Amino acid sequence: MPIGGAGAVAAMVEDRRVRAGVDMDGTTYARIPKSGLARPFMFLGSKDHVPGGRDNSWDRDWKLLTGWKRWLVLPDAEHQSFTDIPLVADVIGIEPLPGMLPAARGAELTRTYVAAFS
């Protein structure tokens, strides 16, 4: 079973009790049936997950999401922007990469979009 956001698709495919899913910047591995997945789903990602980007799993799955769906990209985000790692790095004094979304802003955006989705 995949972990993180990739696990959201897998859980939804296997268990109808999962009413909605969010994938935050993760490659999806579970295959959505050709009949589609009609429950709400949101992709929230970094520039690696733009339509036609390096990771084609979102493009593949987007076509099969037949329920309410959103695909949001935060341009200055990195994969870790959707975790607590940047916040912890701030506390222990590790500088972010140049041009990277500030830790507090990444946390705020993640919380806001996920809360609005739920």
PDB file of N, CA and C in Angstrom:
ATOM      1  N   MET A   1       0.842  -1.178   0.000  1.00  0.00           N
ATOM      2  CA  MET A   1       0.000   0.000   0.000  1.00  0.00           C
ATOM      3  C   MET A   1       0.889   1.244   0.000  1.00  0.00           C
ATOM      4  N   PRO A   2       0.667   2.178  -0.924  1.00  0.00           N
ATOM      5  CA  PRO A   2       1.433   3.422  -0.947  1.00  0.00           C
ATOM      6  C   PRO A   2       1.159   4.247   0.312  1.00  0.00           C
ATOM      7  N   ILE A   3       2.071   5.147   0.624  1.00  0.00           N
ATOM      8  CA  ILE A   3       1.903   5.991   1.799  1.00  0.00           C
ATOM      9  C   ILE A   3       1.510   7.398   1.383  1.00  0.00           C
ATOM     10  N   GLY A   4       1.112   8.190   2.343  1.00  0.00           N
ATOM     11  CA  GLY A   4       0.797   9.591   2.090  1.00  0.00           C
ATOM     12  C   GLY A   4      -0.371   9.772   1.142  1.00  0.00           C
ATOM     13  N   GLY A   5      -0.297  10.860   0.361  1.00  0.00           N
ATOM     14  CA  GLY A   5      -1.367  11.184  -0.573  1.00  0.00           C
ATOM     15  C   GLY A   5      -1.593  10.112  -1.611  1.00  0.00           C
ATOM     16  N   ALA A   6      -0.530   9.419  -1.992  1.00  0.00           N
ATOM     17  CA  ALA A   6      -0.688   8.328  -2.960  1.00  0.00           C
ATOM     18  C   ALA A   6      -1.599   7.254  -2.402  1.00  0.00           C
ATOM     19  N   GLY A   7      -1.598   7.097  -1.099  1.00  0.00           N
ATOM     20  CA  GLY A   7      -2.461   6.123  -0.456  1.00  0.00           C
ATOM     21  C   GLY A   7      -3.933   6.528  -0.487  1.00  0.00           C
ATOM     22  N   ALA A   8      -4.213   7.809  -0.686  1.00  0.00           N
ATOM     23  CA  ALA A   8      -5.605   8.268  -0.724  1.00  0.00           C
ATOM     24  C   ALA A   8      -6.343   7.633  -1.899  1.00  0.00           C
ATOM     25  N   VAL A   9      -5.734   7.629  -3.071  1.00  0.00           N
ATOM     26  CA  VAL A   9      -6.367   7.002  -4.234  1.00  0.00           C
ATOM     27  C   VAL A   9      -6.541   5.508  -3.981  1.00  0.00           C
ATOM     28  N   ALA A  10      -5.504   4.870  -3.476  1.00  0.00           N
ATOM     29  CA  ALA A  10      -5.574   3.427  -3.228  1.00  0.00           C
ATOM     30  C   ALA A  10      -6.696   3.101  -2.247  1.00  0.00           C
ATOM     31  N   ALA A  11      -6.811   3.880  -1.177  1.00  0.00           N
ATOM     32  CA  ALA A  11      -7.862   3.640  -0.188  1.00  0.00           C
ATOM     33  C   ALA A  11      -9.244   3.850  -0.791  1.00  0.00           C
ATOM     34  N   MET A  12      -9.386   4.869  -1.618  1.00  0.00           N
ATOM     35  CA  MET A  12     -10.688   5.149  -2.215  1.00  0.00           C
ATOM     36  C   MET A  12     -11.107   4.066  -3.201  1.00  0.00           C
ATOM     37  N   VAL A  13     -10.145   3.537  -3.933  1.00  0.00           N
ATOM     38  CA  VAL A  13     -10.446   2.473  -4.894  1.00  0.00           C
ATOM     39  C   VAL A  13     -10.880   1.207  -4.160  1.00  0.00           C
ATOM     40  N   GLU A  14     -10.247   0.928  -3.033  1.00  0.00           N
ATOM     41  CA  GLU A  14     -10.511  -0.309  -2.296  1.00  0.00           C
ATOM     42  C   GLU A  14     -11.675  -0.232  -1.319  1.00  0.00           C
ATOM     43  N   ASP A  15     -12.011   0.970  -0.845  1.00  0.00           N
ATOM     44  CA  ASP A  15     -12.991   1.071   0.242  1.00  0.00           C
ATOM     45  C   ASP A  15     -13.965   2.216  -0.015  1.00  0.00           C
ATOM     46  N   ARG A  16     -15.196   1.886  -0.308  1.00  0.00           N
ATOM     47  CA  ARG A  16     -16.229   2.885  -0.611  1.00  0.00           C
ATOM     48  C   ARG A  16     -16.546   3.781   0.594  1.00  0.00           C
ATOM     49  N   ARG A  17     -16.137   3.380   1.793  1.00  0.00           N
ATOM     50  CA  ARG A  17     -16.387   4.212   2.972  1.00  0.00           C
ATOM     51  C   ARG A  17     -15.547   5.478   2.961  1.00  0.00           C
ATOM     52  N   VAL A  18     -14.460   5.493   2.206  1.00  0.00           N
ATOM     53  CA  VAL A  18     -13.621   6.687   2.100  1.00  0.00           C
ATOM     54  C   VAL A  18     -14.359   7.650   1.181  1.00  0.00           C
ATOM     55  N   ARG A  19     -14.834   8.743   1.765  1.00  0.00           N
ATOM     56  CA  ARG A  19     -15.747   9.629   1.045  1.00  0.00           C
ATOM     57  C   ARG A  19     -15.053  10.662   0.179  1.00  0.00           C
ATOM     58  N   ALA A  20     -13.782  10.968   0.450  1.00  0.00           N
ATOM     59  CA  ALA A  20     -13.058  11.984  -0.311  1.00  0.00           C
ATOM     60  C   ALA A  20     -11.562  11.771  -0.096  1.00  0.00           C
ATOM     61  N   GLY A  21     -10.750  12.342  -0.970  1.00  0.00           N
ATOM     62  CA  GLY A  21      -9.308  12.180  -0.839  1.00  0.00           C
ATOM     63  C   GLY A  21      -8.544  13.420  -1.255  1.00  0.00           C
ATOM     64  N   VAL A  22      -7.343  13.545  -0.686  1.00  0.00           N
ATOM     65  CA  VAL A  22      -6.418  14.625  -1.026  1.00  0.00           C
ATOM     66  C   VAL A  22      -5.047  14.005  -1.214  1.00  0.00           C
ATOM     67  N   ASP A  23      -4.384  14.384  -2.293  1.00  0.00           N
ATOM     68  CA  ASP A  23      -2.998  13.980  -2.520  1.00  0.00           C
ATOM     69  C   ASP A  23      -2.174  15.255  -2.532  1.00  0.00           C
ATOM     70  N   MET A  24      -1.253  15.356  -1.578  1.00  0.00           N
ATOM     71  CA  MET A  24      -0.391  16.526  -1.509  1.00  0.00           C
ATOM     72  C   MET A  24       0.985  16.171  -2.049  1.00  0.00           C
ATOM     73  N   ASP A  25       1.152  16.423  -3.332  1.00  0.00           N
ATOM     74  CA  ASP A  25       2.438  16.341  -4.023  1.00  0.00           C
ATOM     75  C   ASP A  25       3.006  14.933  -4.108  1.00  0.00           C
ATOM     76  N   GLY A  26       2.153  13.934  -4.118  1.00  0.00           N
ATOM     77  CA  GLY A  26       2.645  12.566  -4.207  1.00  0.00           C
ATOM     78  C   GLY A  26       2.252  11.897  -5.514  1.00  0.00           C
ATOM     79  N   THR A  27       3.139  11.091  -6.041  1.00  0.00           N
ATOM     80  CA  THR A  27       2.833  10.277  -7.212  1.00  0.00           C
ATOM     81  C   THR A  27       1.746   9.281  -6.834  1.00  0.00           C
ATOM     82  N   THR A  28       0.769   9.089  -7.706  1.00  0.00           N
ATOM     83  CA  THR A  28      -0.270   8.095  -7.440  1.00  0.00           C
ATOM     84  C   THR A  28       0.096   6.812  -8.178  1.00  0.00           C
ATOM     85  N   TYR A  29      -0.069   5.697  -7.488  1.00  0.00           N
ATOM     86  CA  TYR A  29       0.295   4.396  -8.036  1.00  0.00           C
ATOM     87  C   TYR A  29      -0.915   3.496  -8.268  1.00  0.00           C
ATOM     88  N   ALA A  30      -1.901   3.581  -7.391  1.00  0.00           N
ATOM     89  CA  ALA A  30      -3.092   2.731  -7.533  1.00  0.00           C
ATOM     90  C   ALA A  30      -3.835   3.136  -8.803  1.00  0.00           C
ATOM     91  N   ARG A  31      -4.337   2.165  -9.490  1.00  0.00           N
ATOM     92  CA  ARG A  31      -5.062   2.436 -10.732  1.00  0.00           C
ATOM     93  C   ARG A  31      -6.538   2.645 -10.451  1.00  0.00           C
ATOM     94  N   ILE A  32      -7.056   3.759 -10.940  1.00  0.00           N
ATOM     95  CA  ILE A  32      -8.483   4.037 -10.852  1.00  0.00           C
ATOM     96  C   ILE A  32      -9.171   3.234 -11.947  1.00  0.00           C
ATOM     97  N   PRO A  33     -10.276   2.577 -11.639  1.00  0.00           N
ATOM     98  CA  PRO A  33     -10.972   1.804 -12.672  1.00  0.00           C
ATOM     99  C   PRO A  33     -11.374   2.687 -13.857  1.00  0.00           C
ATOM    100  N   LYS A  34     -11.449   2.108 -15.022  1.00  0.00           N
ATOM    101  CA  LYS A  34     -11.832   2.859 -16.224  1.00  0.00           C
ATOM    102  C   LYS A  34     -13.212   3.494 -16.080  1.00  0.00           C
ATOM    103  N   SER A  35     -14.054   2.928 -15.219  1.00  0.00           N
ATOM    104  CA  SER A  35     -15.378   3.502 -14.963  1.00  0.00           C
ATOM    105  C   SER A  35     -15.290   4.799 -14.160  1.00  0.00           C
ATOM    106  N   GLY A  36     -14.132   5.078 -13.589  1.00  0.00           N
ATOM    107  CA  GLY A  36     -13.899   6.325 -12.883  1.00  0.00           C
ATOM    108  C   GLY A  36     -14.073   6.234 -11.379  1.00  0.00           C
ATOM    109  N   LEU A  37     -13.789   7.332 -10.723  1.00  0.00           N
ATOM    110  CA  LEU A  37     -13.920   7.478  -9.274  1.00  0.00           C
ATOM    111  C   LEU A  37     -14.775   8.719  -9.051  1.00  0.00           C
ATOM    112  N   ALA A  38     -15.986   8.541  -8.548  1.00  0.00           N
ATOM    113  CA  ALA A  38     -16.972   9.618  -8.499  1.00  0.00           C
ATOM    114  C   ALA A  38     -17.026  10.372  -7.174  1.00  0.00           C
ATOM    115  N   ARG A  39     -16.093  10.135  -6.281  1.00  0.00           N
ATOM    116  CA  ARG A  39     -16.067  10.862  -5.015  1.00  0.00           C
ATOM    117  C   ARG A  39     -15.108  12.044  -5.098  1.00  0.00           C
ATOM    118  N   PRO A  40     -15.301  13.065  -4.267  1.00  0.00           N
ATOM    119  CA  PRO A  40     -14.455  14.263  -4.335  1.00  0.00           C
ATOM    120  C   PRO A  40     -12.971  13.951  -4.131  1.00  0.00           C
ATOM    121  N   PHE A  41     -12.140  14.645  -4.908  1.00  0.00           N
ATOM    122  CA  PHE A  41     -10.696  14.455  -4.807  1.00  0.00           C
ATOM    123  C   PHE A  41      -9.993  15.761  -5.136  1.00  0.00           C
ATOM    124  N   MET A  42      -8.917  16.043  -4.381  1.00  0.00           N
ATOM    125  CA  MET A  42      -8.124  17.237  -4.638  1.00  0.00           C
ATOM    126  C   MET A  42      -6.648  16.873  -4.730  1.00  0.00           C
ATOM    127  N   PHE A  43      -6.001  17.386  -5.769  1.00  0.00           N
ATOM    128  CA  PHE A  43      -4.552  17.339  -5.897  1.00  0.00           C
ATOM    129  C   PHE A  43      -4.031  18.698  -5.444  1.00  0.00           C
ATOM    130  N   LEU A  44      -3.053  18.712  -4.567  1.00  0.00           N
ATOM    131  CA  LEU A  44      -2.404  19.934  -4.107  1.00  0.00           C
ATOM    132  C   LEU A  44      -0.912  19.685  -4.215  1.00  0.00           C
ATOM    133  N   GLY A  45      -0.236  20.426  -5.101  1.00  0.00           N
ATOM    134  CA  GLY A  45       1.146  20.067  -5.352  1.00  0.00           C
ATOM    135  C   GLY A  45       2.086  21.206  -5.653  1.00  0.00           C
ATOM    136  N   SER A  46       3.324  20.803  -5.898  1.00  0.00           N
ATOM    137  CA  SER A  46       4.407  21.712  -6.273  1.00  0.00           C
ATOM    138  C   SER A  46       4.504  21.769  -7.799  1.00  0.00           C
ATOM    139  N   LYS A  47       5.478  22.508  -8.271  1.00  0.00           N
ATOM    140  CA  LYS A  47       5.655  22.678  -9.717  1.00  0.00           C
ATOM    141  C   LYS A  47       5.960  21.366 -10.447  1.00  0.00           C
ATOM    142  N   ASP A  48       6.309  20.320  -9.720  1.00  0.00           N
ATOM    143  CA  ASP A  48       6.511  19.008 -10.343  1.00  0.00           C
ATOM    144  C   ASP A  48       5.191  18.386 -10.779  1.00  0.00           C
ATOM    145  N   HIS A  49       4.085  18.946 -10.302  1.00  0.00           N
ATOM    146  CA  HIS A  49       2.781  18.371 -10.602  1.00  0.00           C
ATOM    147  C   HIS A  49       1.879  19.294 -11.406  1.00  0.00           C
ATOM    148  N   VAL A  50       2.485  20.067 -12.292  1.00  0.00           N
ATOM    149  CA  VAL A  50       1.674  20.856 -13.218  1.00  0.00           C
ATOM    150  C   VAL A  50       1.162  19.927 -14.318  1.00  0.00           C
ATOM    151  N   PRO A  51       0.024  20.270 -14.937  1.00  0.00           N
ATOM    152  CA  PRO A  51      -0.431  19.432 -16.058  1.00  0.00           C
ATOM    153  C   PRO A  51       0.675  19.291 -17.107  1.00  0.00           C
ATOM    154  N   GLY A  52       0.919  18.063 -17.521  1.00  0.00           N
ATOM    155  CA  GLY A  52       1.981  17.789 -18.484  1.00  0.00           C
ATOM    156  C   GLY A  52       3.376  17.799 -17.884  1.00  0.00           C
ATOM    157  N   GLY A  53       3.466  17.809 -16.544  1.00  0.00           N
ATOM    158  CA  GLY A  53       4.763  17.880 -15.868  1.00  0.00           C
ATOM    159  C   GLY A  53       5.480  16.542 -15.810  1.00  0.00           C
ATOM    160  N   ARG A  54       6.563  16.525 -15.022  1.00  0.00           N
ATOM    161  CA  ARG A  54       7.416  15.329 -14.913  1.00  0.00           C
ATOM    162  C   ARG A  54       6.672  14.103 -14.431  1.00  0.00           C
ATOM    163  N   ASP A  55       5.778  14.293 -13.478  1.00  0.00           N
ATOM    164  CA  ASP A  55       5.024  13.170 -12.923  1.00  0.00           C
ATOM    165  C   ASP A  55       3.687  13.091 -13.660  1.00  0.00           C
ATOM    166  N   ASN A  56       3.540  12.122 -14.524  1.00  0.00           N
ATOM    167  CA  ASN A  56       2.320  12.032 -15.332  1.00  0.00           C
ATOM    168  C   ASN A  56       1.175  11.308 -14.623  1.00  0.00           C
ATOM    169  N   SER A  57       1.380  10.853 -13.390  1.00  0.00           N
ATOM    170  CA  SER A  57       0.318  10.116 -12.701  1.00  0.00           C
ATOM    171  C   SER A  57      -0.910  10.989 -12.461  1.00  0.00           C
ATOM    172  N   TRP A  58      -0.705  12.268 -12.195  1.00  0.00           N
ATOM    173  CA  TRP A  58      -1.860  13.139 -11.967  1.00  0.00           C
ATOM    174  C   TRP A  58      -2.636  13.349 -13.262  1.00  0.00           C
ATOM    175  N   ASP A  59      -1.937  13.541 -14.373  1.00  0.00           N
ATOM    176  CA  ASP A  59      -2.616  13.674 -15.674  1.00  0.00           C
ATOM    177  C   ASP A  59      -3.447  12.426 -15.958  1.00  0.00           C
ATOM    178  N   ARG A  60      -2.864  11.263 -15.725  1.00  0.00           N
ATOM    179  CA  ARG A  60      -3.549   9.985 -15.965  1.00  0.00           C
ATOM    180  C   ARG A  60      -4.805   9.881 -15.098  1.00  0.00           C
ATOM    181  N   ASP A  61      -4.680  10.190 -13.809  1.00  0.00           N
ATOM    182  CA  ASP A  61      -5.792  10.028 -12.882  1.00  0.00           C
ATOM    183  C   ASP A  61      -6.847  11.122 -13.021  1.00  0.00           C
ATOM    184  N   TRP A  62      -6.447  12.322 -13.382  1.00  0.00           N
ATOM    185  CA  TRP A  62      -7.378  13.441 -13.515  1.00  0.00           C
ATOM    186  C   TRP A  62      -8.544  13.078 -14.445  1.00  0.00           C
ATOM    187  N   LYS A  63      -8.222  12.409 -15.529  1.00  0.00           N
ATOM    188  CA  LYS A  63      -9.240  12.023 -16.517  1.00  0.00           C
ATOM    189  C   LYS A  63     -10.248  11.036 -15.946  1.00  0.00           C
ATOM    190  N   LEU A  64      -9.847  10.277 -14.932  1.00  0.00           N
ATOM    191  CA  LEU A  64     -10.713   9.240 -14.361  1.00  0.00           C
ATOM    192  C   LEU A  64     -11.453   9.698 -13.103  1.00  0.00           C
ATOM    193  N   LEU A  65     -11.158  10.903 -12.639  1.00  0.00           N
ATOM    194  CA  LEU A  65     -11.876  11.461 -11.492  1.00  0.00           C
ATOM    195  C   LEU A  65     -13.160  12.086 -12.027  1.00  0.00           C
ATOM    196  N   THR A  66     -14.272  11.445 -11.754  1.00  0.00           N
ATOM    197  CA  THR A  66     -15.544  11.882 -12.332  1.00  0.00           C
ATOM    198  C   THR A  66     -16.411  12.658 -11.347  1.00  0.00           C
ATOM    199  N   GLY A  67     -15.989  12.744 -10.098  1.00  0.00           N
ATOM    200  CA  GLY A  67     -16.699  13.537  -9.097  1.00  0.00           C
ATOM    201  C   GLY A  67     -16.115  14.943  -9.040  1.00  0.00           C
ATOM    202  N   TRP A  68     -16.477  15.682  -7.986  1.00  0.00           N
ATOM    203  CA  TRP A  68     -15.924  17.013  -7.764  1.00  0.00           C
ATOM    204  C   TRP A  68     -14.417  16.865  -7.647  1.00  0.00           C
ATOM    205  N   LYS A  69     -13.671  17.753  -8.303  1.00  0.00           N
ATOM    206  CA  LYS A  69     -12.207  17.646  -8.258  1.00  0.00           C
ATOM    207  C   LYS A  69     -11.573  19.015  -8.404  1.00  0.00           C
ATOM    208  N   ARG A  70     -10.379  19.125  -7.839  1.00  0.00           N
ATOM    209  CA  ARG A  70      -9.557  20.329  -7.978  1.00  0.00           C
ATOM    210  C   ARG A  70      -8.107  19.903  -8.112  1.00  0.00           C
ATOM    211  N   TRP A  71      -7.359  20.691  -8.891  1.00  0.00           N
ATOM    212  CA  TRP A  71      -5.919  20.476  -9.076  1.00  0.00           C
ATOM    213  C   TRP A  71      -5.272  21.827  -8.820  1.00  0.00           C
ATOM    214  N   LEU A  72      -4.586  21.952  -7.708  1.00  0.00           N
ATOM    215  CA  LEU A  72      -3.953  23.204  -7.323  1.00  0.00           C
ATOM    216  C   LEU A  72      -2.447  23.027  -7.250  1.00  0.00           C
ATOM    217  N   VAL A  73      -1.715  24.008  -7.798  1.00  0.00           N
ATOM    218  CA  VAL A  73      -0.257  23.987  -7.775  1.00  0.00           C
ATOM    219  C   VAL A  73       0.226  25.260  -7.090  1.00  0.00           C
ATOM    220  N   LEU A  74       1.089  25.097  -6.089  1.00  0.00           N
ATOM    221  CA  LEU A  74       1.713  26.235  -5.419  1.00  0.00           C
ATOM    222  C   LEU A  74       3.104  26.406  -6.034  1.00  0.00           C
ATOM    223  N   PRO A  75       3.298  27.425  -6.873  1.00  0.00           N
ATOM    224  CA  PRO A  75       4.518  27.539  -7.685  1.00  0.00           C
ATOM    225  C   PRO A  75       5.836  27.503  -6.916  1.00  0.00           C
ATOM    226  N   ASP A  76       5.905  28.095  -5.733  1.00  0.00           N
ATOM    227  CA  ASP A  76       7.174  28.118  -4.993  1.00  0.00           C
ATOM    228  C   ASP A  76       7.299  26.968  -3.997  1.00  0.00           C
ATOM    229  N   ALA A  77       6.344  26.057  -4.013  1.00  0.00           N
ATOM    230  CA  ALA A  77       6.373  24.931  -3.080  1.00  0.00           C
ATOM    231  C   ALA A  77       7.349  23.858  -3.558  1.00  0.00           C
ATOM    232  N   GLU A  78       7.884  23.137  -2.606  1.00  0.00           N
ATOM    233  CA  GLU A  78       8.678  21.939  -2.851  1.00  0.00           C
ATOM    234  C   GLU A  78       7.923  20.787  -2.201  1.00  0.00           C
ATOM    235  N   HIS A  79       8.345  19.559  -2.462  1.00  0.00           N
ATOM    236  CA  HIS A  79       7.626  18.408  -1.926  1.00  0.00           C
ATOM    237  C   HIS A  79       7.434  18.508  -0.406  1.00  0.00           C
ATOM    238  N   GLN A  80       8.454  18.944   0.298  1.00  0.00           N
ATOM    239  CA  GLN A  80       8.387  19.015   1.758  1.00  0.00           C
ATOM    240  C   GLN A  80       7.523  20.176   2.258  1.00  0.00           C
ATOM    241  N   SER A  81       7.126  21.090   1.373  1.00  0.00           N
ATOM    242  CA  SER A  81       6.302  22.232   1.782  1.00  0.00           C
ATOM    243  C   SER A  81       4.977  21.799   2.396  1.00  0.00           C
ATOM    244  N   PHE A  82       4.544  20.589   2.100  1.00  0.00           N
ATOM    245  CA  PHE A  82       3.252  20.103   2.567  1.00  0.00           C
ATOM    246  C   PHE A  82       3.390  19.253   3.833  1.00  0.00           C
ATOM    247  N   THR A  83       4.545  19.332   4.474  1.00  0.00           N
ATOM    248  CA  THR A  83       4.813  18.575   5.700  1.00  0.00           C
ATOM    249  C   THR A  83       5.240  19.558   6.796  1.00  0.00           C
ATOM    250  N   ASP A  84       5.547  19.023   7.967  1.00  0.00           N
ATOM    251  CA  ASP A  84       6.035  19.854   9.074  1.00  0.00           C
ATOM    252  C   ASP A  84       7.536  20.123   8.990  1.00  0.00           C
ATOM    253  N   ILE A  85       8.215  19.480   8.057  1.00  0.00           N
ATOM    254  CA  ILE A  85       9.675  19.606   7.992  1.00  0.00           C
ATOM    255  C   ILE A  85      10.138  21.062   7.864  1.00  0.00           C
ATOM    256  N   PRO A  86       9.555  21.896   6.974  1.00  0.00           N
ATOM    257  CA  PRO A  86      10.027  23.286   6.910  1.00  0.00           C
ATOM    258  C   PRO A  86       9.816  24.055   8.217  1.00  0.00           C
ATOM    259  N   LEU A  87       8.725  23.767   8.926  1.00  0.00           N
ATOM    260  CA  LEU A  87       8.490  24.444  10.209  1.00  0.00           C
ATOM    261  C   LEU A  87       9.540  24.047  11.239  1.00  0.00           C
ATOM    262  N   VAL A  88       9.874  22.772  11.281  1.00  0.00           N
ATOM    263  CA  VAL A  88      10.911  22.293  12.207  1.00  0.00           C
ATOM    264  C   VAL A  88      12.270  22.890  11.811  1.00  0.00           C
ATOM    265  N   ALA A  89      12.541  22.939  10.513  1.00  0.00           N
ATOM    266  CA  ALA A  89      13.806  23.517  10.041  1.00  0.00           C
ATOM    267  C   ALA A  89      13.934  24.967  10.491  1.00  0.00           C
ATOM    268  N   ASP A  90      12.841  25.730  10.437  1.00  0.00           N
ATOM    269  CA  ASP A  90      12.865  27.118  10.917  1.00  0.00           C
ATOM    270  C   ASP A  90      13.253  27.191  12.386  1.00  0.00           C
ATOM    271  N   VAL A  91      12.680  26.296  13.187  1.00  0.00           N
ATOM    272  CA  VAL A  91      12.927  26.306  14.635  1.00  0.00           C
ATOM    273  C   VAL A  91      14.387  25.991  14.948  1.00  0.00           C
ATOM    274  N   ILE A  92      14.989  25.066  14.211  1.00  0.00           N
ATOM    275  CA  ILE A  92      16.383  24.691  14.506  1.00  0.00           C
ATOM    276  C   ILE A  92      17.391  25.503  13.694  1.00  0.00           C
ATOM    277  N   GLY A  93      16.885  26.466  12.898  1.00  0.00           N
ATOM    278  CA  GLY A  93      17.773  27.402  12.223  1.00  0.00           C
ATOM    279  C   GLY A  93      18.310  26.968  10.874  1.00  0.00           C
ATOM    280  N   ILE A  94      17.669  26.020  10.223  1.00  0.00           N
ATOM    281  CA  ILE A  94      18.090  25.629   8.875  1.00  0.00           C
ATOM    282  C   ILE A  94      17.417  26.557   7.874  1.00  0.00           C
ATOM    283  N   GLU A  95      18.214  27.159   7.024  1.00  0.00           N
ATOM    284  CA  GLU A  95      17.696  28.106   6.038  1.00  0.00           C
ATOM    285  C   GLU A  95      16.971  27.371   4.912  1.00  0.00           C
ATOM    286  N   PRO A  96      15.842  27.937   4.444  1.00  0.00           N
ATOM    287  CA  PRO A  96      15.150  27.322   3.304  1.00  0.00           C
ATOM    288  C   PRO A  96      15.945  27.523   2.019  1.00  0.00           C
ATOM    289  N   LEU A  97      15.629  26.736   1.022  1.00  0.00           N
ATOM    290  CA  LEU A  97      16.246  26.917  -0.283  1.00  0.00           C
ATOM    291  C   LEU A  97      15.828  28.261  -0.855  1.00  0.00           C
ATOM    292  N   PRO A  98      16.712  28.931  -1.610  1.00  0.00           N
ATOM    293  CA  PRO A  98      16.339  30.222  -2.202  1.00  0.00           C
ATOM    294  C   PRO A  98      15.091  30.069  -3.081  1.00  0.00           C
ATOM    295  N   GLY A  99      14.159  30.992  -2.929  1.00  0.00           N
ATOM    296  CA  GLY A  99      12.946  30.979  -3.738  1.00  0.00           C
ATOM    297  C   GLY A  99      11.886  30.008  -3.263  1.00  0.00           C
ATOM    298  N   MET A 100      12.167  29.283  -2.180  1.00  0.00           N
ATOM    299  CA  MET A 100      11.206  28.312  -1.669  1.00  0.00           C
ATOM    300  C   MET A 100      10.140  29.013  -0.841  1.00  0.00           C
ATOM    301  N   LEU A 101       8.942  28.506  -0.930  1.00  0.00           N
ATOM    302  CA  LEU A 101       7.821  29.012  -0.159  1.00  0.00           C
ATOM    303  C   LEU A 101       8.194  29.023   1.323  1.00  0.00           C
ATOM    304  N   PRO A 102       8.042  30.156   2.021  1.00  0.00           N
ATOM    305  CA  PRO A 102       8.356  30.177   3.459  1.00  0.00           C
ATOM    306  C   PRO A 102       7.524  29.141   4.219  1.00  0.00           C
ATOM    307  N   ALA A 103       8.104  28.561   5.242  1.00  0.00           N
ATOM    308  CA  ALA A 103       7.476  27.469   5.986  1.00  0.00           C
ATOM    309  C   ALA A 103       6.090  27.835   6.513  1.00  0.00           C
ATOM    310  N   ALA A 104       5.961  28.986   7.140  1.00  0.00           N
ATOM    311  CA  ALA A 104       4.667  29.377   7.711  1.00  0.00           C
ATOM    312  C   ALA A 104       3.622  29.551   6.612  1.00  0.00           C
ATOM    313  N   ARG A 105       4.038  30.087   5.480  1.00  0.00           N
ATOM    314  CA  ARG A 105       3.093  30.274   4.363  1.00  0.00           C
ATOM    315  C   ARG A 105       2.671  28.928   3.788  1.00  0.00           C
ATOM    316  N   GLY A 106       3.589  27.997   3.658  1.00  0.00           N
ATOM    317  CA  GLY A 106       3.254  26.659   3.165  1.00  0.00           C
ATOM    318  C   GLY A 106       2.254  25.968   4.082  1.00  0.00           C
ATOM    319  N   ALA A 107       2.473  26.078   5.380  1.00  0.00           N
ATOM    320  CA  ALA A 107       1.551  25.473   6.347  1.00  0.00           C
ATOM    321  C   ALA A 107       0.183  26.135   6.274  1.00  0.00           C
ATOM    322  N   GLU A 108       0.183  27.460   6.159  1.00  0.00           N
ATOM    323  CA  GLU A 108      -1.086  28.188   6.079  1.00  0.00           C
ATOM    324  C   GLU A 108      -1.881  27.789   4.836  1.00  0.00           C
ATOM    325  N   LEU A 109      -1.220  27.733   3.690  1.00  0.00           N
ATOM    326  CA  LEU A 109      -1.907  27.366   2.452  1.00  0.00           C
ATOM    327  C   LEU A 109      -2.419  25.930   2.490  1.00  0.00           C
ATOM    328  N   THR A 110      -1.593  25.026   2.998  1.00  0.00           N
ATOM    329  CA  THR A 110      -2.008  23.622   3.096  1.00  0.00           C
ATOM    330  C   THR A 110      -3.235  23.502   3.993  1.00  0.00           C
ATOM    331  N   ARG A 111      -3.177  24.108   5.175  1.00  0.00           N
ATOM    332  CA  ARG A 111      -4.313  24.051   6.094  1.00  0.00           C
ATOM    333  C   ARG A 111      -5.568  24.663   5.493  1.00  0.00           C
ATOM    334  N   THR A 112      -5.412  25.813   4.852  1.00  0.00           N
ATOM    335  CA  THR A 112      -6.558  26.523   4.282  1.00  0.00           C
ATOM    336  C   THR A 112      -7.225  25.711   3.176  1.00  0.00           C
ATOM    337  N   TYR A 113      -6.444  25.210   2.239  1.00  0.00           N
ATOM    338  CA  TYR A 113      -7.037  24.464   1.128  1.00  0.00           C
ATOM    339  C   TYR A 113      -7.643  23.150   1.582  1.00  0.00           C
ATOM    340  N   VAL A 114      -6.984  22.438   2.463  1.00  0.00           N
ATOM    341  CA  VAL A 114      -7.529  21.161   2.933  1.00  0.00           C
ATOM    342  C   VAL A 114      -8.788  21.400   3.759  1.00  0.00           C
ATOM    343  N   ALA A 115      -8.790  22.426   4.602  1.00  0.00           N
ATOM    344  CA  ALA A 115      -9.981  22.748   5.397  1.00  0.00           C
ATOM    345  C   ALA A 115     -11.143  23.146   4.495  1.00  0.00           C
ATOM    346  N   ALA A 116     -10.877  23.948   3.473  1.00  0.00           N
ATOM    347  CA  ALA A 116     -11.943  24.360   2.551  1.00  0.00           C
ATOM    348  C   ALA A 116     -12.489  23.173   1.784  1.00  0.00           C
ATOM    349  N   PHE A 117     -11.632  22.211   1.480  1.00  0.00           N
ATOM    350  CA  PHE A 117     -12.036  21.011   0.748  1.00  0.00           C
ATOM    351  C   PHE A 117     -12.938  20.130   1.590  1.00  0.00           C
ATOM    352  N   SER A 118     -12.640  20.052   2.903  1.00  0.00           N
ATOM    353  CA  SER A 118     -13.406  19.145   3.765  1.00  0.00           C
ATOM    354  C   SER A 118     -14.679  19.777   4.146  1.00  0.00           C
TER     355      SER A 118
END
